[in-house]
Protein backbone atom coordinates (compact mmCIF):
# COMPACT_ATOMS: atom_id res chain seq x y z
CA UNK A 1 71.26 86.21 109.82
CA UNK A 2 70.27 83.17 111.85
CA UNK A 3 72.78 82.91 114.68
CA UNK A 4 72.49 79.26 115.63
CA UNK A 5 73.36 78.06 119.09
CA UNK A 6 75.61 75.48 117.64
CA UNK A 7 77.95 78.38 116.75
CA UNK A 8 75.73 80.37 117.34
CA UNK A 9 57.73 106.75 106.69
CA UNK A 10 59.62 107.01 110.05
CA UNK A 11 58.00 110.38 110.70
CA UNK A 12 54.48 109.10 110.02
CA UNK A 13 55.13 105.96 111.91
CA UNK A 14 56.46 107.82 114.93
CA UNK A 15 53.47 110.13 114.97
CA UNK A 16 50.98 107.30 114.69
CA UNK A 17 52.84 105.08 117.16
CA UNK A 18 53.34 107.46 120.07
CA UNK A 19 50.77 105.55 122.08
CA UNK A 20 52.24 102.10 121.31
CA UNK A 21 52.60 100.28 124.62
CA UNK A 22 52.87 96.74 125.91
CA UNK A 23 50.11 94.92 127.71
CA UNK A 24 50.47 94.04 131.36
CA UNK A 25 50.52 95.76 134.72
CA UNK A 26 52.83 98.66 135.39
CA UNK A 27 56.14 97.70 136.95
CA UNK A 28 56.51 98.95 140.51
CA UNK A 29 60.29 99.23 140.28
CA UNK A 30 61.81 102.70 140.30
CA UNK A 31 63.24 104.23 137.14
CA UNK A 32 66.77 104.00 138.53
CA UNK A 33 66.44 100.24 139.07
CA UNK A 34 65.70 99.86 135.37
CA UNK A 35 68.75 101.75 134.13
CA UNK A 36 71.08 99.98 131.71
CA UNK A 37 73.28 103.08 131.36
CA UNK A 38 72.88 106.87 131.70
CA UNK A 39 71.28 106.85 128.22
CA UNK A 40 69.17 103.69 128.25
CA UNK A 41 66.64 102.07 130.58
CA UNK A 42 64.47 98.99 130.17
CA UNK A 43 60.81 99.05 131.14
CA UNK A 44 59.95 95.39 130.71
CA UNK A 45 60.22 92.37 128.47
CA UNK A 46 57.72 89.88 127.07
CA UNK A 47 58.06 86.21 126.17
CA UNK A 48 54.38 85.97 125.22
CA UNK A 49 55.04 84.72 121.68
CA UNK A 50 57.79 82.23 122.48
CA UNK A 51 57.16 78.86 120.78
CA UNK A 52 53.64 79.73 119.67
CA UNK A 53 51.84 79.32 116.35
CA UNK A 54 49.30 81.35 114.41
CA UNK A 55 47.00 79.80 111.83
CA UNK A 56 49.44 76.93 111.37
CA UNK A 57 52.50 79.19 111.04
CA UNK A 58 55.28 79.16 113.63
CA UNK A 59 55.57 82.53 115.38
CA UNK A 60 59.23 83.35 115.84
CA UNK A 61 62.48 83.59 113.86
CA UNK A 62 61.97 87.37 114.04
CA UNK A 63 64.59 89.43 112.25
CA UNK A 64 62.97 92.89 112.03
CA UNK A 65 60.25 95.10 113.46
CA UNK A 66 58.50 98.16 112.06
CA UNK A 67 55.62 100.46 112.93
CA UNK A 68 53.08 101.16 110.20
CA UNK A 69 51.48 104.55 109.63
CA UNK A 70 48.36 103.47 111.51
CA UNK A 71 50.38 102.50 114.59
CA UNK A 72 50.20 98.75 114.04
CA UNK A 73 53.30 96.62 114.64
CA UNK A 74 54.86 94.48 111.92
CA UNK A 75 57.28 91.65 112.65
CA UNK A 76 59.33 90.02 109.90
CA UNK A 77 60.58 86.48 110.30
CA UNK A 78 63.61 85.33 108.38
CA UNK A 79 61.74 82.38 106.89
CA UNK A 80 59.58 84.44 104.55
CA UNK A 81 56.58 85.53 106.64
CA UNK A 82 55.46 89.01 107.68
CA UNK A 83 53.23 89.20 110.76
CA UNK A 84 50.84 91.93 111.80
CA UNK A 85 50.92 92.04 115.62
CA UNK A 86 48.57 93.73 118.02
CA UNK A 87 50.66 96.64 119.37
CA UNK A 88 49.40 96.14 122.92
CA UNK A 89 49.20 92.37 123.37
CA UNK A 90 51.67 91.34 120.62
CA UNK A 91 49.22 88.68 119.48
CA UNK A 92 49.33 87.96 115.72
CA UNK A 93 46.41 89.27 113.68
CA UNK A 94 47.64 88.38 110.20
CA UNK A 95 50.48 86.56 108.46
CA UNK A 96 51.53 87.21 104.85
CA UNK A 97 53.84 84.83 103.03
CA UNK A 98 56.62 86.41 100.95
CA UNK A 99 58.47 84.97 97.98
CA UNK A 100 60.94 85.98 95.29
CA UNK A 101 60.15 86.29 91.59
CA UNK A 102 60.34 82.50 91.17
CA UNK A 103 58.11 81.76 94.14
CA UNK A 104 60.99 80.70 96.41
CA UNK A 105 61.17 81.70 100.07
CA UNK A 106 63.36 84.58 101.19
CA UNK A 107 65.98 84.81 103.89
CA UNK A 108 64.05 87.94 104.91
CA UNK A 109 65.97 90.21 107.28
CA UNK A 110 65.27 93.95 106.98
CA UNK A 111 61.90 95.73 106.96
CA UNK A 112 60.55 99.21 106.26
CA UNK A 113 56.85 100.09 106.16
CA UNK A 114 56.74 102.88 103.57
CA UNK A 115 54.31 105.78 103.76
CA UNK A 116 52.40 104.58 100.69
CA UNK A 117 51.57 101.26 102.36
CA UNK A 118 54.22 99.20 100.58
CA UNK A 119 56.77 97.07 102.39
CA UNK A 120 60.48 97.25 101.64
CA UNK A 121 62.14 93.94 102.55
CA UNK A 122 65.69 92.68 102.26
CA UNK A 123 66.73 89.11 101.59
CA UNK A 124 70.19 88.03 102.67
CA UNK A 125 70.46 85.39 99.95
CA UNK A 126 71.68 87.53 97.02
CA UNK A 127 71.33 90.07 98.77
CA UNK A 128 68.29 92.00 97.53
CA UNK A 129 65.77 94.68 98.44
CA UNK A 130 62.22 94.31 97.11
CA UNK A 131 59.06 96.36 97.42
CA UNK A 132 55.93 94.39 98.25
CA UNK A 133 52.26 95.27 98.38
CA UNK A 134 50.37 94.71 101.63
CA UNK A 135 49.20 91.33 100.33
CA UNK A 136 52.71 90.16 99.42
CA UNK A 137 52.95 90.93 95.68
CA UNK A 138 56.34 92.07 94.35
CA UNK A 139 56.16 95.61 93.01
CA UNK A 140 59.80 96.45 92.41
CA UNK A 141 63.36 95.31 93.03
CA UNK A 142 66.07 97.80 93.91
CA UNK A 143 69.53 97.78 92.30
CA UNK A 144 72.42 96.47 94.42
CA UNK A 145 76.11 97.29 93.83
CA UNK A 146 77.94 94.27 92.41
CA UNK A 147 80.57 94.36 95.17
CA UNK A 148 77.88 93.71 97.81
CA UNK A 149 76.57 90.57 96.11
CA UNK A 150 77.44 87.18 97.58
CA UNK A 151 80.53 85.57 96.05
CA UNK A 152 81.22 84.54 93.35
CA UNK A 153 78.93 87.22 91.89
CA UNK A 154 80.38 89.78 94.30
CA UNK A 155 82.58 90.06 97.38
CA UNK A 156 80.13 89.41 100.20
CA UNK A 157 79.95 86.30 102.38
CA UNK A 158 76.74 84.27 102.48
CA UNK A 159 74.51 85.13 105.46
CA UNK A 160 76.55 88.28 106.12
CA UNK A 161 74.74 90.78 103.90
CA UNK A 162 71.70 93.08 104.22
CA UNK A 163 70.49 92.65 107.80
CA UNK A 164 69.26 96.13 108.69
CA UNK A 165 66.98 98.46 106.74
CA UNK A 166 65.66 101.91 107.60
CA UNK A 167 64.11 104.96 105.97
CA UNK A 168 65.69 108.27 106.94
CA UNK A 169 63.52 111.21 108.07
CA UNK A 170 61.63 112.76 105.18
CA UNK A 171 61.26 109.40 103.46
CA UNK A 172 63.64 110.15 100.59
CA UNK A 173 66.64 108.01 101.57
CA UNK A 174 66.65 104.28 102.28
CA UNK A 175 69.63 102.73 104.09
CA UNK A 176 70.64 99.07 104.39
CA UNK A 177 73.41 97.79 106.63
CA UNK A 178 75.63 94.85 105.76
CA UNK A 179 76.19 92.50 108.67
CA UNK A 180 79.89 91.93 108.08
CA UNK A 181 82.77 93.07 105.92
CA UNK A 182 83.11 92.19 102.26
CA UNK A 183 86.29 90.64 100.86
CA UNK A 184 89.03 93.24 100.47
CA UNK A 185 87.84 95.43 103.35
CA UNK A 186 89.44 95.37 106.77
CA UNK A 187 87.82 93.06 109.32
CA UNK A 188 85.02 94.84 111.14
CA UNK A 189 84.50 97.51 108.46
CA UNK A 190 80.87 97.20 107.38
CA UNK A 191 79.31 99.00 104.42
CA UNK A 192 76.02 100.89 104.71
CA UNK A 193 74.32 101.34 101.31
CA UNK A 194 71.74 104.02 100.54
CA UNK A 195 69.15 104.58 97.82
CA UNK A 196 67.45 107.86 96.91
CA UNK A 197 63.76 107.95 96.08
CA UNK A 198 62.94 109.07 92.54
CA UNK A 199 59.18 109.22 91.95
CA UNK A 200 58.04 105.62 92.49
CA UNK A 201 61.50 104.05 92.44
CA UNK A 202 64.73 104.06 94.41
CA UNK A 203 68.11 104.71 92.79
CA UNK A 204 71.53 103.87 94.22
CA UNK A 205 72.89 106.59 96.50
CA UNK A 206 75.91 107.11 98.68
CA UNK A 207 77.62 104.37 100.65
CA UNK A 208 79.32 104.67 104.03
CA UNK A 209 81.65 102.62 106.21
CA UNK A 210 81.04 101.68 109.84
CA UNK A 211 83.48 99.91 112.18
CA UNK A 212 82.03 97.27 114.51
CA UNK A 213 83.50 96.14 117.78
CA UNK A 214 85.80 93.12 117.51
CA UNK A 215 83.87 89.94 116.82
CA UNK A 216 80.51 91.65 116.39
CA UNK A 217 78.27 92.20 113.36
CA UNK A 218 75.35 94.54 112.59
CA UNK A 219 71.92 92.86 112.72
CA UNK A 220 69.82 96.04 112.66
CA UNK A 221 69.86 99.80 112.12
CA UNK A 222 67.13 102.39 112.69
CA UNK A 223 67.03 106.08 111.82
CA UNK A 224 66.34 108.57 114.61
CA UNK A 225 64.14 111.62 113.97
CA UNK A 226 67.23 113.87 113.56
CA UNK A 227 68.87 111.71 110.89
CA UNK A 228 71.29 109.77 113.05
CA UNK A 229 71.16 106.00 113.45
CA UNK A 230 70.60 103.52 116.24
CA UNK A 231 72.87 100.57 115.44
CA UNK A 232 72.71 97.14 117.05
CA UNK A 233 75.93 95.16 117.22
CA UNK A 234 75.74 91.48 118.11
CA UNK A 235 77.85 88.38 118.50
CA UNK A 236 77.68 84.91 120.03
CA UNK A 237 80.27 82.86 121.91
CA UNK A 238 79.42 79.17 122.57
CA UNK A 239 79.31 78.46 126.28
CA UNK A 240 79.23 82.17 127.11
CA UNK A 241 76.25 83.57 125.22
CA UNK A 242 75.33 86.70 123.32
CA UNK A 243 76.89 90.13 123.23
CA UNK A 244 74.46 92.87 122.17
CA UNK A 245 75.38 96.56 122.19
CA UNK A 246 73.38 99.60 121.15
CA UNK A 247 75.18 102.51 119.50
CA UNK A 248 74.21 105.97 118.30
CA UNK A 249 75.87 106.60 114.94
CA UNK A 250 76.10 109.68 112.72
CA UNK A 251 76.64 109.14 108.97
CA UNK A 252 76.26 112.78 108.00
CA UNK A 253 79.99 113.58 107.73
CA UNK A 254 81.21 110.15 106.66
CA UNK A 255 83.02 109.57 103.36
CA UNK A 256 81.01 108.22 100.43
CA UNK A 257 82.76 104.89 99.87
CA UNK A 258 80.76 103.79 96.82
CA UNK A 259 83.74 104.46 94.56
CA UNK A 260 86.37 102.93 96.86
CA UNK A 261 87.05 99.30 96.02
CA UNK A 262 88.94 98.24 99.15
CA UNK A 263 88.58 99.76 102.61
CA UNK A 264 91.96 98.58 103.82
CA UNK A 265 94.73 101.05 104.51
CA UNK A 266 92.57 104.07 103.67
CA UNK A 267 93.49 106.69 106.30
CA UNK A 268 91.54 109.46 104.56
CA UNK A 269 88.21 107.63 104.72
CA UNK A 270 85.98 109.13 107.41
CA UNK A 271 84.01 106.33 109.03
CA UNK A 272 80.55 106.75 110.51
CA UNK A 273 81.09 108.05 114.04
CA UNK A 274 79.51 106.01 116.81
CA UNK A 275 78.85 106.42 120.52
CA UNK A 276 78.02 103.54 122.85
CA UNK A 277 74.58 103.92 124.43
CA UNK A 278 74.57 100.63 126.33
CA UNK A 279 75.63 97.03 126.45
CA UNK A 280 72.39 95.09 126.99
CA UNK A 281 74.22 92.81 129.44
CA UNK A 282 74.30 95.74 131.87
CA UNK A 283 70.49 96.00 131.97
CA UNK A 284 68.66 94.64 135.03
CA UNK A 285 67.44 91.11 134.30
CA UNK A 286 63.88 91.90 135.53
CA UNK A 287 63.43 88.26 136.47
CA UNK A 288 64.19 86.91 133.00
CA UNK A 289 65.49 83.38 132.58
CA UNK A 290 67.75 81.99 129.87
CA UNK A 291 67.68 78.54 128.27
CA UNK A 292 71.41 78.55 127.62
CA UNK A 293 74.44 80.27 129.21
CA UNK A 294 74.23 84.07 128.97
CA UNK A 295 76.18 86.92 130.60
CA UNK A 296 72.75 88.21 131.68
CA UNK A 297 69.66 85.93 131.59
CA UNK A 298 67.81 88.77 129.88
CA UNK A 299 69.96 88.32 126.78
CA UNK A 300 69.14 86.27 123.73
CA UNK A 301 69.82 86.52 120.00
CA UNK A 302 68.51 90.10 119.63
CA UNK A 303 68.06 90.93 115.96
CA UNK A 304 65.12 93.30 115.34
CA UNK A 305 64.60 96.91 116.42
CA UNK A 306 62.15 99.74 115.80
CA UNK A 307 61.40 103.15 117.30
CA UNK A 308 57.78 103.27 118.45
CA UNK A 309 57.52 106.90 119.63
CA UNK A 310 58.67 109.21 122.43
CA UNK A 311 57.84 109.38 126.10
CA UNK A 312 56.88 112.57 127.98
CA UNK A 313 60.55 113.41 128.59
CA UNK A 314 61.51 113.15 124.91
CA UNK A 315 63.26 109.80 125.19
CA UNK A 316 62.81 107.44 122.28
CA UNK A 317 60.74 104.33 122.96
CA UNK A 318 62.64 101.49 121.31
CA UNK A 319 61.36 97.95 120.88
CA UNK A 320 63.79 95.05 120.34
CA UNK A 321 63.07 91.41 119.53
CA UNK A 322 65.21 88.27 119.58
CA UNK A 323 65.34 85.62 116.87
CA UNK A 324 64.84 82.19 118.48
CA UNK A 325 65.78 80.31 115.29
CA UNK A 326 62.92 77.95 116.17
CA UNK A 327 65.42 76.45 118.60
CA UNK A 328 64.39 75.10 122.04
CA UNK A 329 67.53 76.62 123.58
CA UNK A 330 66.57 80.15 122.49
CA UNK A 331 63.66 82.49 123.25
CA UNK A 332 61.47 84.87 121.26
CA UNK A 333 61.64 87.90 123.55
CA UNK A 334 60.51 91.52 123.15
CA UNK A 335 62.40 94.27 125.02
CA UNK A 336 60.93 97.69 125.80
CA UNK A 337 63.65 100.34 126.10
CA UNK A 338 63.77 104.09 126.60
CA UNK A 339 66.72 105.77 124.92
CA UNK A 340 68.01 109.30 125.35
CA UNK A 341 69.95 110.50 122.32
């Protein structure tokens, strides 16, 4: 979702991306000075792509990141373009335009680079999940439960639907996260929908419920190698700035809510358990500057996330990106984290 300032498969990818690093000199600061929390540290950030263009296309509005099987970095913008970025310099090498079946642009939000070279991409408009070829041709469209469709077709609110998308280890289960609650569910209870792979197609699978912190939504979710999830929660307060928190969540013992119409007053429903890893506001600013008020000048409208590998201690290397909404008061910024789970 585009938060405006006015209101404001994994295994293959991890193996191929272990060497994915950012360009630039090594930071001389000690590891302790880069700690955001006992579980998370930040190595560096990059504003290299802020307010730039590539082959006539604006570079920004990023809503998702993914690592391909060959180690290359893909960045999805929510205005219907998919960029191939150099994994070291972040410089664009290719841009592919995406469209729906009628040729219209997508509100493209979630991204998975599948092991067969196809791209799974969500659009927040309906919402939808489509499979695309590397050159942008539609290959398939996945079924979506009627309750998750935008009203009046369903019970979802416009621009509050499929934001996150991830493929669980093994490549057999796809998971999409709604950004906010649907009508009839308690405030802050967000549905996570899964699909199971069947030959060349995905069929609807189990659904789970996740509770966000008050006032926050879910812009991104990424599977860890052991089947848990990294979940971003985000919000914006005019005059104050962004709140962005990173959680570790475990859906493996949660109730399948696909057959439960309303998640209000349901004491027997087991929600996805979550553990706070860090609030990004607690990270050292590393000299970052902000174009609008922020609790920490490092912060912006962080919306995309991918796991790029592991370091020598076993920590996950996690790359975040902010969506600048093509707005002069916001910044396209990449964040390089190390996360112990």
